[in-house]
N, C-alpha and C. Protein backbone atom coordinates (compact mmCIF):
# COMPACT_ATOMS: atom_id res chain seq x y z
N MET A 1 -25.85 -103.32 245.35
CA MET A 1 -24.76 -103.06 244.43
C MET A 1 -25.35 -102.27 243.10
N SER A 2 -24.49 -101.48 242.55
CA SER A 2 -24.95 -100.81 241.34
C SER A 2 -24.74 -101.69 240.14
N ASP A 3 -25.25 -101.18 239.02
CA ASP A 3 -25.22 -102.03 237.79
C ASP A 3 -23.75 -102.39 237.53
N PRO A 4 -22.79 -101.41 237.45
CA PRO A 4 -21.38 -101.83 237.18
C PRO A 4 -20.89 -102.92 238.01
N ASP A 5 -21.13 -102.86 239.28
CA ASP A 5 -20.76 -103.93 240.20
C ASP A 5 -21.28 -105.20 239.88
N ASP A 6 -22.66 -105.19 239.55
CA ASP A 6 -23.34 -106.52 239.04
C ASP A 6 -22.53 -107.12 237.91
N ALA A 7 -22.31 -106.20 236.95
CA ALA A 7 -21.71 -106.68 235.63
C ALA A 7 -20.32 -107.22 235.97
N PHE A 8 -19.63 -106.64 236.76
CA PHE A 8 -18.27 -107.04 237.05
C PHE A 8 -18.27 -108.35 237.74
N PHE A 9 -19.17 -108.61 238.77
CA PHE A 9 -19.23 -109.88 239.46
C PHE A 9 -19.80 -111.03 238.63
N GLU A 10 -20.75 -110.57 237.63
CA GLU A 10 -21.23 -111.54 236.66
C GLU A 10 -20.12 -112.12 235.84
N GLN A 11 -19.27 -111.22 235.29
CA GLN A 11 -18.09 -111.66 234.52
C GLN A 11 -17.10 -112.35 235.27
N LEU A 12 -16.89 -112.01 236.50
CA LEU A 12 -15.91 -112.76 237.37
C LEU A 12 -16.40 -114.13 237.69
N GLY A 13 -17.77 -114.28 237.88
CA GLY A 13 -18.28 -115.58 237.97
C GLY A 13 -18.14 -116.48 236.73
N HIS A 14 -18.32 -115.87 235.49
CA HIS A 14 -18.07 -116.69 234.28
C HIS A 14 -16.61 -117.11 234.21
N LEU A 15 -15.75 -116.24 234.62
CA LEU A 15 -14.36 -116.67 234.66
C LEU A 15 -14.11 -117.87 235.60
N VAL A 16 -14.56 -117.69 236.81
CA VAL A 16 -14.38 -118.83 237.71
C VAL A 16 -14.99 -120.02 237.24
N ASP A 17 -16.27 -120.04 236.72
CA ASP A 17 -16.88 -121.20 236.23
C ASP A 17 -16.10 -121.83 235.12
N ALA A 18 -15.65 -121.03 234.18
CA ALA A 18 -14.91 -121.61 232.99
C ALA A 18 -13.57 -122.17 233.47
N THR A 19 -12.93 -121.50 234.43
CA THR A 19 -11.65 -122.10 234.97
C THR A 19 -11.94 -123.33 235.64
N ARG A 20 -13.03 -123.53 236.46
CA ARG A 20 -13.29 -124.82 237.20
C ARG A 20 -13.66 -125.86 236.02
N ASP A 21 -14.39 -125.55 235.02
CA ASP A 21 -14.77 -126.47 234.00
C ASP A 21 -13.44 -126.92 233.23
N GLY A 22 -12.59 -126.07 232.88
CA GLY A 22 -11.36 -126.45 232.28
C GLY A 22 -10.52 -127.37 233.08
N ARG A 23 -10.48 -127.11 234.43
CA ARG A 23 -9.81 -128.06 235.28
C ARG A 23 -10.35 -129.43 235.28
N ALA A 24 -11.65 -129.53 235.23
CA ALA A 24 -12.34 -130.72 235.17
C ALA A 24 -12.53 -131.44 233.92
N ALA A 25 -12.07 -130.77 232.79
CA ALA A 25 -12.30 -131.32 231.57
C ALA A 25 -11.78 -132.74 231.33
N THR A 26 -12.41 -133.48 230.60
CA THR A 26 -12.06 -134.88 230.28
C THR A 26 -11.73 -135.05 228.86
N SER A 27 -11.87 -133.98 228.04
CA SER A 27 -11.59 -134.15 226.65
C SER A 27 -11.01 -132.83 226.16
N ASP A 28 -10.29 -132.84 225.03
CA ASP A 28 -9.74 -131.57 224.52
C ASP A 28 -10.73 -130.65 224.19
N ALA A 29 -11.93 -131.05 223.58
CA ALA A 29 -12.96 -130.20 223.20
C ALA A 29 -13.59 -129.43 224.44
N THR A 30 -13.82 -130.20 225.54
CA THR A 30 -14.27 -129.57 226.72
C THR A 30 -13.36 -128.56 227.26
N TYR A 31 -12.03 -128.91 227.20
CA TYR A 31 -11.06 -127.89 227.74
C TYR A 31 -10.94 -126.72 226.83
N ASP A 32 -11.06 -126.88 225.55
CA ASP A 32 -10.89 -125.74 224.59
C ASP A 32 -12.15 -124.81 224.75
N ASP A 33 -13.29 -125.44 224.96
CA ASP A 33 -14.48 -124.56 225.23
C ASP A 33 -14.34 -123.75 226.52
N ALA A 34 -13.85 -124.39 227.45
CA ALA A 34 -13.63 -123.69 228.90
C ALA A 34 -12.60 -122.62 228.71
N PHE A 35 -11.55 -122.90 227.95
CA PHE A 35 -10.44 -121.95 227.73
C PHE A 35 -11.01 -120.69 226.92
N HIS A 36 -11.77 -121.00 226.00
CA HIS A 36 -12.45 -119.83 225.15
C HIS A 36 -13.33 -118.93 225.99
N ARG A 37 -14.20 -119.62 226.87
CA ARG A 37 -15.20 -118.95 227.65
C ARG A 37 -14.31 -118.06 228.71
N ALA A 38 -13.27 -118.64 229.36
CA ALA A 38 -12.40 -117.81 230.28
C ALA A 38 -11.86 -116.67 229.63
N GLY A 39 -11.32 -116.88 228.42
CA GLY A 39 -10.78 -115.70 227.65
C GLY A 39 -11.82 -114.72 227.30
N GLU A 40 -13.08 -115.00 226.99
CA GLU A 40 -14.08 -113.99 226.83
C GLU A 40 -14.42 -113.21 228.08
N ALA A 41 -14.46 -114.00 229.18
CA ALA A 41 -14.84 -113.26 230.47
C ALA A 41 -13.61 -112.28 230.81
N ALA A 42 -12.39 -112.78 230.71
CA ALA A 42 -11.25 -111.98 230.96
C ALA A 42 -11.21 -110.74 230.18
N ALA A 43 -11.46 -110.98 228.83
CA ALA A 43 -11.50 -109.70 227.95
C ALA A 43 -12.60 -108.74 228.43
N ALA A 44 -13.77 -109.26 228.84
CA ALA A 44 -14.90 -108.35 229.33
C ALA A 44 -14.37 -107.61 230.59
N LEU A 45 -13.70 -108.25 231.42
CA LEU A 45 -13.18 -107.69 232.65
C LEU A 45 -12.13 -106.52 232.43
N GLN A 46 -11.27 -106.90 231.44
CA GLN A 46 -10.26 -105.89 230.96
C GLN A 46 -10.92 -104.72 230.37
N GLU A 47 -11.98 -104.81 229.59
CA GLU A 47 -12.64 -103.71 228.93
C GLU A 47 -13.27 -102.85 230.07
N MET A 48 -13.96 -103.53 230.98
CA MET A 48 -14.59 -102.78 232.15
C MET A 48 -13.50 -101.93 232.86
N ASP A 49 -12.29 -102.54 233.08
CA ASP A 49 -11.23 -101.89 233.75
C ASP A 49 -10.82 -100.63 232.94
N ARG A 50 -10.78 -100.81 231.52
CA ARG A 50 -10.30 -99.70 230.79
C ARG A 50 -11.29 -98.47 230.77
N GLU A 51 -12.57 -98.85 230.99
CA GLU A 51 -13.63 -97.87 230.95
C GLU A 51 -13.85 -97.27 232.43
N GLY A 52 -13.00 -97.69 233.28
CA GLY A 52 -13.10 -97.04 234.62
C GLY A 52 -14.08 -97.65 235.46
N TRP A 53 -14.31 -99.00 235.33
CA TRP A 53 -15.39 -99.66 236.15
C TRP A 53 -15.34 -99.11 237.52
């Protein structure tokens, strides 16, 4: 894989991990943290798409 592909799949992995953590959250703080991390990963993927990943 090329570097852009590696970066894409890394961000996608972060999004999946954060989503899984949010679903398993047992407290509001854990859920909020997971939601924040998912948002950051989604934003990174959107930026990559805008740049023509």
